Amino acid sequence: MYQALYRKWRPKSFDDVVGQEHITTTLRNEIAAGKPAHAYLLMGSRGTGKTTCAKLIAKAVNCLAPKDGSPCGECEICKGIDNGSMVDVVEIDAASNNGVDNIRDLREEANFLPNVTKYRVYIIDEVHMLSMGAVNALLKIMEEPPSHVIFILATTEVHKIPATIQSRCQRFDFKRIDSAAIAGRLRYVSDQEGISITDEALAMIARLADGGMRDALSLLDLCSSHSHEVTLETVSEAAGLIGQDYLFDIADAVSRKDLSAALDLIGVLGSQAVEYDRLCQQLVTHYRNLLMAATSKNPGELIVCLPETLERYKTQAAAFTPARLVYAISALQQASALMSRTTSRRTELELCLARLCDPRLDQSPQALLARIDQLEAKLNRLLAEGVTLPAEVSQPQQEEAPAKPQKEKKAARPSPSPAPPSQPAVPMERWGEVMDRLKIVNPALRGALTGSRAFISGSRVLIDFPNPVFRELMNSSDDVRVQLKRAIAEVTGTRYGIGPYDPPKEQTPEQQVKPLDELLAAAADSGIEIKTM
């Protein structure tokens, strides 16, 4: 009979547990020293090794031939715990056995000595699901546990565990497993199983697993059944990453404020049996990915997708401001919450899309902030394109001051003053933000500016660039100059000219004034006679 990979490759010793060395080292040391705790609390997200370590503890404290605190896996006790025939090790699912009567039965049974093993071990999974009465019954025996009993509590929601229970346990926090560690374990398993898989596919599975080794092995199992040669495309098809173009289409319609097109897409998807609440959650994830693409320096590490899909996210994110993306996520989450309390799910989604296409329909603070941010972006683009704003109207003069005739103003107009001297250049603190903006709108220009610095001198931004490619781009392309000015304006809100930065030249020794010469000149001006020796 075929056995799933996550069951077949469950760790047999503490050394096989991946990514939780801070826990397995402590457990191995205290068990090897013969000082196991009477109660353990294992908490963490799913698939990180809580139940696996619970069974390893049960085997290690009872193993007939332990190896440095780890179970041998070969004795009859270890094998009995693995196949579930050892009556002294009891595994309880608190989700289905959460009543007070279940815990009272456990209390009565715990008073008896174990039949075969040294310790009677109770593993209570999802302990946060216990009722309040069951928790109180469990607390009674945990206050004064028999010396032959060990409790191992596992949960994904430790905040629901009463403090009275937590204080009587030795707590271990299981962290999400690093993607590189998951990929390394998957490579070992695939080699042992004879599965042909590329490194890119392994990396994608590790990222999709979101820190859970069990999910990673299950996805590897699915991909190996899908194709003999597991590639990046195989993983994408098996995980459902392909075929979500409709999310980009809906977001495009929203960016154009084309409500009719967005509603038509909703209607087509509804006719294809797409659940509206599921679609709303997908849109939340889609806008979250757009926000990461617009604001993060390394969006590829935060978005699980194909490389070409990542480029689509970057391109589409340029059509939104961060404030508008945040507002879209908030509005979609509110719509998702309302869908759970109404039967008109399609109506809730359509109303949400209407507010996204026209924020004037929503008077919430988030919508107002999104509208203000959008207006600022439009204003900055106009400034970057050379559109000047009308001058501010001067304050009216006091009534007692008579207005001067127009002729006098013209006569009193002074002659043009000479150009002011160049102002000192100061470093531009927001140059990094400008570079991040260029990374989205013009990656080639961003690459040419790698390692550059910028300085502000009056109304100009002077750029110190080590790459000569940038000078060629500036001299040969008007679009490059316009895009650079636009990026600076969108970040700073001010229209600047641009130019190269020429660092000030140091004075030569002949040009520098010596302090002694200054002193002699000052003495001569004061009539003091100085005789030189």
Protein backbone atom coordinates (compact mmCIF):
# COMPACT_ATOMS: atom_id res chain seq x y z
CA MET A 1 0.00 0.00 0.00
CA TYR A 2 1.37 3.42 -0.98
CA GLN A 3 2.28 5.70 1.92
CA ALA A 4 2.24 9.47 1.57
CA LEU A 5 5.64 11.13 1.58
CA TYR A 6 4.94 13.24 4.66
CA ARG A 7 4.19 10.05 6.62
CA LYS A 8 6.96 7.98 5.10
CA TRP A 9 9.62 10.60 5.76
CA ARG A 10 8.49 11.68 9.22
CA PRO A 11 11.67 12.15 11.33
CA LYS A 12 12.76 9.09 13.29
CA SER A 13 15.13 10.98 15.60
CA PHE A 14 15.76 14.52 16.79
CA ASP A 15 18.59 14.85 14.27
CA ASP A 16 16.10 14.42 11.39
CA VAL A 17 13.94 17.36 12.49
CA VAL A 18 14.64 20.27 10.13
CA GLY A 19 14.72 23.90 11.16
CA GLN A 20 14.00 23.47 14.89
CA GLU A 21 17.51 22.92 16.24
CA HIS A 22 16.91 25.33 19.13
CA ILE A 23 14.23 22.91 20.39
CA THR A 24 15.66 19.50 19.55
CA THR A 25 19.02 20.28 21.16
CA THR A 26 17.35 21.16 24.47
CA LEU A 27 15.09 18.11 24.40
CA ARG A 28 17.92 15.75 23.57
CA ASN A 29 20.14 17.13 26.33
CA GLU A 30 17.56 16.96 29.11
CA ILE A 31 16.38 13.49 28.12
CA ALA A 32 19.97 12.23 27.94
CA ALA A 33 20.51 13.62 31.45
CA GLY A 34 17.40 11.79 32.69
CA LYS A 35 15.59 15.03 33.56
CA PRO A 36 12.50 15.23 31.36
CA ALA A 37 9.83 17.76 32.30
CA HIS A 38 6.47 16.51 33.53
CA ALA A 39 4.63 18.72 30.98
CA TYR A 40 5.55 20.25 27.63
CA LEU A 41 3.71 22.90 25.61
CA LEU A 42 4.58 22.84 21.91
CA MET A 43 3.22 25.76 19.91
CA GLY A 44 3.65 26.93 16.32
CA SER A 45 2.03 27.01 12.89
CA ARG A 46 0.95 23.86 11.11
CA GLY A 47 3.49 21.46 9.66
CA THR A 48 6.46 22.74 11.67
CA GLY A 49 7.06 19.52 13.65
CA LYS A 50 4.99 19.77 16.85
CA THR A 51 3.35 16.33 16.69
CA THR A 52 6.55 14.77 15.37
CA CYS A 53 8.57 16.08 18.31
CA ALA A 54 5.83 15.00 20.72
CA LYS A 55 6.13 11.40 19.51
CA LEU A 56 9.93 11.61 19.59
CA ILE A 57 9.74 12.71 23.24
CA ALA A 58 7.42 9.80 24.03
CA LYS A 59 9.83 7.36 22.37
CA ALA A 60 13.01 8.91 23.79
CA VAL A 61 11.90 8.79 27.46
CA ASN A 62 10.84 5.14 27.08
CA CYS A 63 13.39 3.81 24.57
CA LEU A 64 15.28 0.69 25.59
CA ALA A 65 18.48 1.73 23.79
CA PRO A 66 18.53 5.54 23.44
CA LYS A 67 21.33 7.25 21.52
CA ASP A 68 22.40 10.59 23.01
CA GLY A 69 18.86 11.41 24.06
CA SER A 70 17.28 10.30 20.77
CA PRO A 71 15.21 7.11 20.36
CA CYS A 72 16.81 4.17 18.60
CA GLY A 73 13.72 3.49 16.50
CA GLU A 74 14.43 -0.24 16.51
CA CYS A 75 13.29 -1.51 19.91
CA GLU A 76 9.78 -2.85 20.47
CA ILE A 77 8.71 0.26 22.37
CA CYS A 78 9.75 2.62 19.57
CA LYS A 79 8.03 0.44 16.98
CA GLY A 80 4.93 0.14 19.15
CA ILE A 81 4.64 3.91 19.47
CA ASP A 82 5.12 4.33 15.72
CA ASN A 83 2.33 1.88 14.81
CA GLY A 84 0.03 3.02 17.64
CA SER A 85 -0.09 -0.29 19.51
CA MET A 86 1.61 0.98 22.70
CA VAL A 87 -1.19 1.56 25.20
CA ASP A 88 1.00 3.60 27.54
CA VAL A 89 1.31 6.39 24.97
CA VAL A 90 -2.08 8.00 24.29
CA GLU A 91 -2.68 10.58 21.57
CA ILE A 92 -5.84 12.66 22.05
CA ASP A 93 -7.39 15.02 19.50
CA ALA A 94 -8.84 17.83 21.60
CA ALA A 95 -10.94 19.02 18.66
CA SER A 96 -13.18 15.93 18.94
CA ASN A 97 -12.52 14.97 22.59
CA ASN A 98 -12.88 18.32 24.25
CA GLY A 99 -15.45 17.53 26.95
CA VAL A 100 -14.87 17.48 30.66
CA ASP A 101 -15.76 13.75 30.76
CA ASN A 102 -12.87 12.92 28.42
CA ILE A 103 -10.36 14.67 30.69
CA ARG A 104 -11.87 13.05 33.81
CA ASP A 105 -11.34 9.64 32.24
CA LEU A 106 -7.76 10.65 31.51
CA ARG A 107 -7.24 11.67 35.13
CA GLU A 108 -8.47 8.35 36.44
CA GLU A 109 -6.35 6.38 34.00
CA ALA A 110 -3.23 8.44 34.74
CA ASN A 111 -3.16 7.25 38.34
CA PHE A 112 -2.28 3.71 37.21
CA LEU A 113 1.31 2.73 36.55
CA PRO A 114 2.28 2.10 32.91
CA ASN A 115 2.05 -1.46 31.63
CA VAL A 116 5.28 -1.70 29.64
CA THR A 117 7.02 1.66 29.45
CA LYS A 118 8.72 3.78 32.10
CA TYR A 119 6.42 6.76 31.57
CA ARG A 120 2.76 7.02 30.63
CA VAL A 121 2.66 9.81 28.01
CA TYR A 122 -0.41 11.79 27.01
CA ILE A 123 -0.19 13.79 23.79
CA ILE A 124 -3.08 16.28 23.54
CA ASP A 125 -3.19 17.85 20.08
CA GLU A 126 -4.96 21.20 19.47
CA VAL A 127 -5.32 21.63 23.22
CA HIS A 128 -6.81 25.11 22.75
CA MET A 129 -10.04 23.39 21.62
CA LEU A 130 -10.76 22.04 25.13
CA SER A 131 -13.82 23.41 26.87
CA MET A 132 -13.43 25.49 30.02
CA GLY A 133 -14.58 22.57 32.15
CA ALA A 134 -12.07 20.26 30.51
CA VAL A 135 -9.29 22.83 31.05
CA ASN A 136 -10.11 23.04 34.76
CA ALA A 137 -10.12 19.23 35.03
CA LEU A 138 -6.75 19.05 33.26
CA LEU A 139 -5.33 21.78 35.47
CA LYS A 140 -6.10 19.74 38.60
CA ILE A 141 -3.89 16.81 37.59
CA MET A 142 -1.16 19.04 36.15
CA GLU A 143 -0.77 20.78 39.51
CA GLU A 144 0.27 17.50 41.19
CA PRO A 145 1.05 15.02 38.41
CA PRO A 146 2.12 11.44 39.19
CA SER A 147 5.84 10.85 38.72
CA HIS A 148 5.20 8.33 35.94
CA VAL A 149 3.09 10.67 33.77
CA ILE A 150 4.25 13.16 31.12
CA PHE A 151 1.86 15.55 29.39
CA ILE A 152 2.66 16.94 25.93
CA LEU A 153 0.29 19.68 24.78
CA ALA A 154 0.38 20.91 21.17
CA THR A 155 -1.42 23.95 19.77
CA THR A 156 -1.43 26.42 16.91
CA GLU A 157 -3.12 29.15 19.00
CA VAL A 158 -1.22 29.49 22.24
CA HIS A 159 -3.00 32.72 23.15
CA LYS A 160 -6.12 30.63 23.85
CA ILE A 161 -4.34 28.52 26.45
CA PRO A 162 -4.96 29.80 30.01
CA ALA A 163 -1.94 31.16 31.80
CA THR A 164 -2.48 28.62 34.60
CA ILE A 165 -1.81 25.81 32.10
CA GLN A 166 1.13 27.54 30.42
CA SER A 167 2.89 28.22 33.72
CA ARG A 168 2.97 24.49 34.51
CA CYS A 169 4.56 23.51 31.19
CA GLN A 170 7.96 23.77 29.59
CA ARG A 171 7.13 25.82 26.52
CA PHE A 172 8.75 25.47 23.09
CA ASP A 173 7.95 27.82 20.21
CA PHE A 174 8.25 26.17 16.80
CA LYS A 175 9.20 28.72 14.15
CA ARG A 176 8.42 28.59 10.46
CA ILE A 177 11.09 26.61 8.67
CA ASP A 178 13.40 28.54 6.37
CA SER A 179 12.78 28.01 2.64
CA ALA A 180 16.40 26.98 2.05
CA ALA A 181 16.16 24.29 4.74
CA ILE A 182 12.91 22.98 3.24
CA ALA A 183 14.43 22.88 -0.24
CA GLY A 184 17.42 20.94 1.09
CA ARG A 185 15.20 18.35 2.75
CA LEU A 186 13.05 18.05 -0.39
CA ARG A 187 16.16 17.45 -2.48
CA TYR A 188 17.18 14.60 -0.17
CA VAL A 189 13.70 13.04 -0.27
CA SER A 190 13.35 13.38 -4.04
CA ASP A 191 16.77 11.75 -4.58
CA GLN A 192 15.80 8.85 -2.32
CA GLU A 193 12.44 8.46 -4.06
CA GLY A 194 13.89 8.79 -7.57
CA ILE A 195 11.91 11.94 -8.37
CA SER A 196 13.41 14.11 -11.12
CA ILE A 197 12.92 17.74 -10.12
CA THR A 198 14.69 20.98 -10.94
CA ASP A 199 16.19 23.33 -8.37
CA GLU A 200 13.76 26.09 -9.43
CA ALA A 201 10.81 23.77 -8.77
CA LEU A 202 12.19 22.85 -5.34
CA ALA A 203 12.58 26.52 -4.46
CA MET A 204 9.00 27.24 -5.57
CA ILE A 205 7.61 24.36 -3.48
CA ALA A 206 9.58 25.57 -0.46
CA ARG A 207 8.13 29.08 -0.81
CA LEU A 208 4.59 27.79 -1.33
CA ALA A 209 4.87 25.70 1.83
CA ASP A 210 5.10 28.90 3.89
CA GLY A 211 7.41 27.40 6.50
CA GLY A 212 5.63 24.03 6.85
CA MET A 213 7.55 20.85 6.03
CA ARG A 214 4.41 18.70 5.87
CA ASP A 215 2.83 20.97 3.26
CA ALA A 216 6.06 20.92 1.26
CA LEU A 217 6.20 17.11 1.20
CA SER A 218 2.51 16.90 0.29
CA LEU A 219 3.02 19.30 -2.62
CA LEU A 220 6.08 17.35 -3.77
CA ASP A 221 3.96 14.19 -3.67
CA LEU A 222 1.28 15.88 -5.78
CA CYS A 223 3.79 17.20 -8.31
CA SER A 224 5.48 13.80 -8.71
CA SER A 225 2.07 12.30 -9.50
CA HIS A 226 1.35 15.08 -11.97
CA SER A 227 4.50 14.59 -14.05
CA HIS A 228 7.61 12.40 -14.12
CA GLU A 229 9.76 15.47 -14.76
CA VAL A 230 8.87 18.07 -12.15
CA THR A 231 9.62 21.58 -13.42
CA LEU A 232 8.62 25.08 -12.41
CA GLU A 233 5.60 24.90 -14.71
CA THR A 234 4.56 21.58 -13.13
CA VAL A 235 4.58 23.12 -9.66
CA SER A 236 2.64 26.15 -10.88
CA GLU A 237 -0.07 23.99 -12.44
CA ALA A 238 -0.32 21.68 -9.42
CA ALA A 239 -0.49 24.61 -6.98
CA GLY A 240 -3.02 26.54 -9.06
CA LEU A 241 -0.74 29.50 -9.78
CA ILE A 242 -1.60 29.44 -13.50
CA GLY A 243 -4.93 30.62 -14.84
CA GLN A 244 -5.51 33.68 -12.65
CA ASP A 245 -5.34 36.31 -15.37
CA TYR A 246 -8.84 37.44 -14.41
CA LEU A 247 -7.39 39.01 -11.25
CA PHE A 248 -5.14 41.22 -13.34
CA ASP A 249 -8.08 42.04 -15.63
CA ILE A 250 -10.26 43.15 -12.71
CA ALA A 251 -7.44 45.26 -11.25
CA ASP A 252 -6.87 46.84 -14.68
CA ALA A 253 -10.54 47.78 -14.88
CA VAL A 254 -10.36 49.30 -11.40
CA SER A 255 -7.24 51.30 -12.31
CA ARG A 256 -9.10 52.71 -15.33
CA LYS A 257 -12.18 53.34 -13.13
CA ASP A 258 -14.17 51.26 -15.61
CA LEU A 259 -16.89 49.85 -13.38
CA SER A 260 -18.80 48.38 -16.32
CA ALA A 261 -15.82 46.22 -17.35
CA ALA A 262 -15.25 45.07 -13.76
CA LEU A 263 -18.90 44.05 -13.34
CA ASP A 264 -18.83 42.20 -16.67
CA LEU A 265 -15.84 40.19 -15.45
CA ILE A 266 -17.65 39.36 -12.22
CA GLY A 267 -20.64 38.16 -14.21
CA VAL A 268 -18.51 35.93 -16.45
CA LEU A 269 -16.72 34.40 -13.46
CA GLY A 270 -20.04 33.82 -11.70
CA SER A 271 -21.35 31.90 -14.71
CA GLN A 272 -18.24 29.68 -14.45
CA ALA A 273 -19.19 28.63 -10.90
CA VAL A 274 -16.58 30.82 -9.19
CA GLU A 275 -17.51 31.45 -5.56
CA TYR A 276 -17.76 35.17 -4.86
CA ASP A 277 -16.29 34.97 -1.35
CA ARG A 278 -13.34 32.98 -2.70
CA LEU A 279 -12.89 35.56 -5.49
CA CYS A 280 -12.91 38.36 -2.92
CA GLN A 281 -10.14 36.66 -0.95
CA GLN A 282 -8.13 36.18 -4.14
CA LEU A 283 -8.45 39.89 -4.88
CA VAL A 284 -7.20 40.69 -1.37
CA THR A 285 -4.11 38.58 -2.05
CA HIS A 286 -3.70 40.14 -5.49
CA TYR A 287 -3.76 43.71 -4.17
CA ARG A 288 -1.42 42.71 -1.36
CA ASN A 289 1.04 41.45 -3.98
CA LEU A 290 0.67 44.73 -5.87
CA LEU A 291 1.46 46.62 -2.68
CA MET A 292 4.59 44.53 -2.14
CA ALA A 293 5.65 45.10 -5.75
CA ALA A 294 5.17 48.86 -5.36
CA THR A 295 6.89 49.34 -1.99
CA SER A 296 9.36 46.50 -1.36
CA LYS A 297 12.95 46.54 -2.53
CA ASN A 298 12.89 42.74 -2.99
CA PRO A 299 9.30 41.84 -3.92
CA GLY A 300 10.38 38.45 -5.27
CA GLU A 301 11.02 37.30 -1.70
CA LEU A 302 7.52 38.34 -0.58
CA ILE A 303 5.40 37.23 -3.54
CA VAL A 304 5.07 33.55 -4.42
CA CYS A 305 4.70 33.50 -8.20
CA LEU A 306 6.47 32.82 -11.46
CA PRO A 307 9.15 35.29 -12.62
CA GLU A 308 7.00 36.53 -15.50
CA THR A 309 4.05 37.00 -13.15
CA LEU A 310 6.25 39.08 -10.86
CA GLU A 311 7.00 41.42 -13.75
CA ARG A 312 3.25 41.77 -14.36
CA TYR A 313 2.78 42.72 -10.72
CA LYS A 314 5.47 45.40 -11.01
CA THR A 315 3.95 46.81 -14.19
CA GLN A 316 0.41 46.92 -12.82
CA ALA A 317 1.52 48.35 -9.47
CA ALA A 318 2.78 51.46 -11.28
CA ALA A 319 -0.85 52.35 -12.06
CA PHE A 320 -1.72 52.65 -8.36
CA THR A 321 -0.47 54.73 -5.48
CA PRO A 322 0.38 52.87 -2.25
CA ALA A 323 -2.48 54.62 -0.44
CA ARG A 324 -4.97 53.43 -3.07
CA LEU A 325 -3.67 49.85 -2.77
CA VAL A 326 -4.03 49.96 1.01
CA TYR A 327 -7.56 51.27 0.63
CA ALA A 328 -8.42 48.49 -1.86
CA ILE A 329 -7.18 45.80 0.55
CA SER A 330 -9.17 47.32 3.41
CA ALA A 331 -12.36 47.61 1.33
CA LEU A 332 -12.09 44.03 0.05
CA GLN A 333 -11.52 42.67 3.55
CA GLN A 334 -14.61 44.51 4.78
CA ALA A 335 -16.60 43.06 1.89
CA SER A 336 -15.33 39.57 2.72
CA ALA A 337 -16.46 39.97 6.32
CA LEU A 338 -19.93 41.13 5.19
CA MET A 339 -20.24 38.16 2.83
CA SER A 340 -20.14 35.76 5.76
CA ARG A 341 -23.27 37.39 7.18
CA THR A 342 -25.43 37.73 4.07
CA THR A 343 -26.73 35.66 1.20
CA SER A 344 -26.18 38.48 -1.33
CA ARG A 345 -22.48 37.84 -1.77
CA ARG A 346 -22.36 39.01 -5.36
CA THR A 347 -23.98 42.30 -4.41
CA GLU A 348 -21.39 42.93 -1.68
CA LEU A 349 -18.56 42.29 -4.11
CA GLU A 350 -20.11 44.54 -6.76
CA LEU A 351 -20.60 47.37 -4.25
CA CYS A 352 -16.98 47.02 -3.18
CA LEU A 353 -15.77 47.24 -6.79
CA ALA A 354 -17.94 50.32 -7.29
CA ARG A 355 -16.22 52.02 -4.35
CA LEU A 356 -12.80 51.00 -5.68
CA CYS A 357 -13.57 52.47 -9.11
CA ASP A 358 -14.97 55.68 -7.61
CA PRO A 359 -13.66 56.44 -4.09
CA ARG A 360 -16.12 59.36 -3.91
CA LEU A 361 -18.77 56.76 -3.09
CA ASP A 362 -16.92 55.92 0.11
CA GLN A 363 -16.56 58.58 2.81
CA SER A 364 -14.34 56.54 5.11
CA PRO A 365 -10.97 58.01 6.21
CA GLN A 366 -9.12 55.37 4.15
CA ALA A 367 -10.99 56.39 1.01
CA LEU A 368 -10.32 60.09 1.61
CA LEU A 369 -6.61 59.42 2.14
CA ALA A 370 -6.50 57.41 -1.09
CA ARG A 371 -8.13 60.29 -2.98
CA ILE A 372 -5.70 62.82 -1.51
CA ASP A 373 -2.72 60.62 -2.35
CA GLN A 374 -4.00 60.21 -5.91
CA LEU A 375 -4.39 63.98 -6.32
CA GLU A 376 -0.87 64.57 -5.04
CA ALA A 377 0.52 62.04 -7.51
CA LYS A 378 -1.32 63.74 -10.39
CA LEU A 379 -0.04 67.14 -9.29
CA ASN A 380 3.53 65.88 -9.10
CA ARG A 381 3.26 64.37 -12.58
CA LEU A 382 2.02 67.69 -13.96
CA LEU A 383 4.94 69.49 -12.37
CA ALA A 384 7.35 66.95 -13.81
CA GLU A 385 5.88 67.45 -17.28
CA GLY A 386 6.53 71.17 -17.11
CA VAL A 387 3.05 72.46 -16.30
CA THR A 388 3.37 75.57 -14.13
CA LEU A 389 0.88 76.48 -11.45
CA PRO A 390 -0.63 80.00 -11.29
CA ALA A 391 1.17 82.33 -8.91
CA GLU A 392 -0.40 82.86 -5.52
CA VAL A 393 -2.56 85.98 -5.25
CA SER A 394 -0.76 88.60 -3.16
CA GLN A 395 -2.33 89.79 0.07
CA PRO A 396 -4.55 92.88 -0.37
CA GLN A 397 -3.02 96.11 0.83
CA GLN A 398 -4.44 98.12 3.67
CA GLU A 399 -7.19 100.62 2.85
CA GLU A 400 -5.18 103.68 3.82
CA ALA A 401 -2.41 102.84 1.37
CA PRO A 402 -3.48 104.14 -2.04
CA ALA A 403 -2.93 101.93 -5.01
CA LYS A 404 -0.16 102.99 -7.33
CA PRO A 405 -1.00 103.66 -10.96
CA GLN A 406 0.02 101.02 -13.47
CA LYS A 407 2.40 103.47 -15.19
CA GLU A 408 4.36 104.07 -12.00
CA LYS A 409 4.84 100.33 -11.57
CA LYS A 410 6.28 100.03 -15.02
CA ALA A 411 8.57 102.99 -14.48
CA ALA A 412 9.76 101.70 -11.16
CA ARG A 413 10.59 98.28 -12.55
CA PRO A 414 14.25 97.65 -11.83
CA SER A 415 16.65 96.47 -14.40
CA PRO A 416 17.26 92.74 -14.57
CA SER A 417 19.57 91.66 -11.83
CA PRO A 418 22.48 89.42 -12.60
CA ALA A 419 22.03 85.64 -12.14
CA PRO A 420 22.48 84.59 -8.53
CA PRO A 421 25.60 82.68 -7.70
CA SER A 422 25.31 78.89 -7.65
CA GLN A 423 24.08 77.55 -4.33
CA PRO A 424 26.04 74.90 -2.42
CA ALA A 425 25.04 71.32 -3.22
CA VAL A 426 23.69 69.22 -0.34
CA PRO A 427 23.10 65.45 -0.48
CA MET A 428 19.58 64.42 -1.53
CA GLU A 429 18.19 62.30 1.29
CA ARG A 430 15.34 60.76 -0.75
CA TRP A 431 17.46 59.63 -3.69
CA GLY A 432 16.92 56.00 -2.63
CA GLU A 433 13.15 56.46 -3.00
CA VAL A 434 13.68 57.89 -6.47
CA MET A 435 15.72 54.82 -7.37
CA ASP A 436 12.95 52.54 -6.06
CA ARG A 437 10.42 54.41 -8.21
CA LEU A 438 12.61 54.05 -11.30
CA LYS A 439 12.91 50.34 -10.62
CA ILE A 440 9.20 50.06 -11.42
CA VAL A 441 8.78 52.56 -14.27
CA ASN A 442 12.14 52.15 -16.03
CA PRO A 443 14.36 49.25 -14.80
CA ALA A 444 17.00 50.00 -17.48
CA LEU A 445 17.46 53.56 -16.23
CA ARG A 446 17.57 52.26 -12.65
CA GLY A 447 20.35 49.87 -13.64
CA ALA A 448 22.33 52.64 -15.30
CA LEU A 449 22.13 54.68 -12.07
CA THR A 450 23.49 51.89 -9.87
CA GLY A 451 25.94 53.33 -7.36
CA SER A 452 24.97 56.93 -8.11
CA ARG A 453 24.49 59.80 -5.68
CA ALA A 454 22.42 62.95 -5.95
CA PHE A 455 22.79 66.47 -4.59
CA ILE A 456 20.32 69.36 -4.44
CA SER A 457 21.59 72.76 -5.54
CA GLY A 458 18.82 75.34 -5.62
CA SER A 459 16.22 74.17 -8.12
CA ARG A 460 18.40 71.47 -9.66
CA VAL A 461 19.26 67.87 -8.77
CA LEU A 462 22.87 67.15 -9.61
CA ILE A 463 23.68 63.48 -10.18
CA ASP A 464 27.08 61.93 -9.51
CA PHE A 465 27.09 58.74 -11.58
CA PRO A 466 30.01 56.31 -11.92
CA ASN A 467 28.46 54.54 -14.91
CA PRO A 468 29.16 56.25 -18.27
CA VAL A 469 26.08 54.52 -19.72
CA PHE A 470 23.89 57.00 -17.88
CA ARG A 471 25.55 59.98 -19.60
CA GLU A 472 24.87 58.38 -22.98
CA LEU A 473 21.21 57.80 -22.03
CA MET A 474 20.87 61.41 -20.90
CA ASN A 475 22.40 62.79 -24.09
CA SER A 476 20.52 60.54 -26.50
CA SER A 477 17.02 60.25 -25.05
CA ASP A 478 14.57 62.97 -24.09
CA ASP A 479 12.30 60.31 -22.59
CA VAL A 480 14.98 59.34 -20.08
CA ARG A 481 15.29 62.93 -18.88
CA VAL A 482 11.50 63.30 -18.62
CA GLN A 483 11.12 60.01 -16.72
CA LEU A 484 13.87 60.94 -14.31
CA LYS A 485 12.34 64.36 -13.64
CA ARG A 486 8.94 62.74 -13.20
CA ALA A 487 10.27 60.19 -10.70
CA ILE A 488 11.96 62.95 -8.68
CA ALA A 489 8.77 65.02 -8.70
CA GLU A 490 6.58 62.08 -7.68
CA VAL A 491 8.80 61.42 -4.68
CA THR A 492 9.55 64.97 -3.58
CA GLY A 493 6.54 66.89 -4.87
CA THR A 494 8.88 69.53 -6.30
CA ARG A 495 9.90 70.15 -9.89
CA TYR A 496 13.65 70.04 -10.24
CA GLY A 497 15.95 70.39 -13.16
CA ILE A 498 18.68 67.80 -13.54
CA GLY A 499 22.34 67.89 -14.40
CA PRO A 500 25.71 66.28 -13.67
CA TYR A 501 27.44 66.81 -10.36
CA ASP A 502 30.94 68.28 -10.50
CA PRO A 503 32.65 68.00 -7.11
CA PRO A 504 34.44 71.15 -5.96
CA LYS A 505 38.13 71.21 -6.75
CA GLU A 506 40.60 71.55 -3.94
CA GLN A 507 42.86 74.63 -3.99
CA THR A 508 46.49 74.10 -4.87
CA PRO A 509 49.12 75.00 -2.25
CA GLU A 510 49.97 78.14 -4.24
CA GLN A 511 46.34 79.29 -4.16
CA GLN A 512 45.91 78.72 -0.45
CA VAL A 513 46.62 81.74 1.80
CA LYS A 514 49.16 81.04 4.52
CA PRO A 515 48.18 82.09 8.07
CA LEU A 516 51.52 83.94 8.56
CA ASP A 517 50.95 86.03 5.46
CA GLU A 518 47.51 87.04 6.77
CA LEU A 519 49.04 88.10 10.10
CA LEU A 520 51.76 90.23 8.43
CA ALA A 521 49.22 91.94 6.19
CA ALA A 522 46.98 92.78 9.16
CA ALA A 523 49.95 94.24 11.09
CA ALA A 524 50.98 96.40 8.15
CA ASP A 525 47.46 97.79 7.84
CA SER A 526 47.55 98.79 11.52
CA GLY A 527 50.90 100.64 11.18
CA ILE A 528 52.86 98.14 13.24
CA GLU A 529 56.42 97.80 12.11
CA ILE A 530 57.66 94.23 12.08
CA LYS A 531 61.33 93.53 11.67
CA THR A 532 62.35 90.21 10.22
CA MET A 533 65.47 88.53 11.41
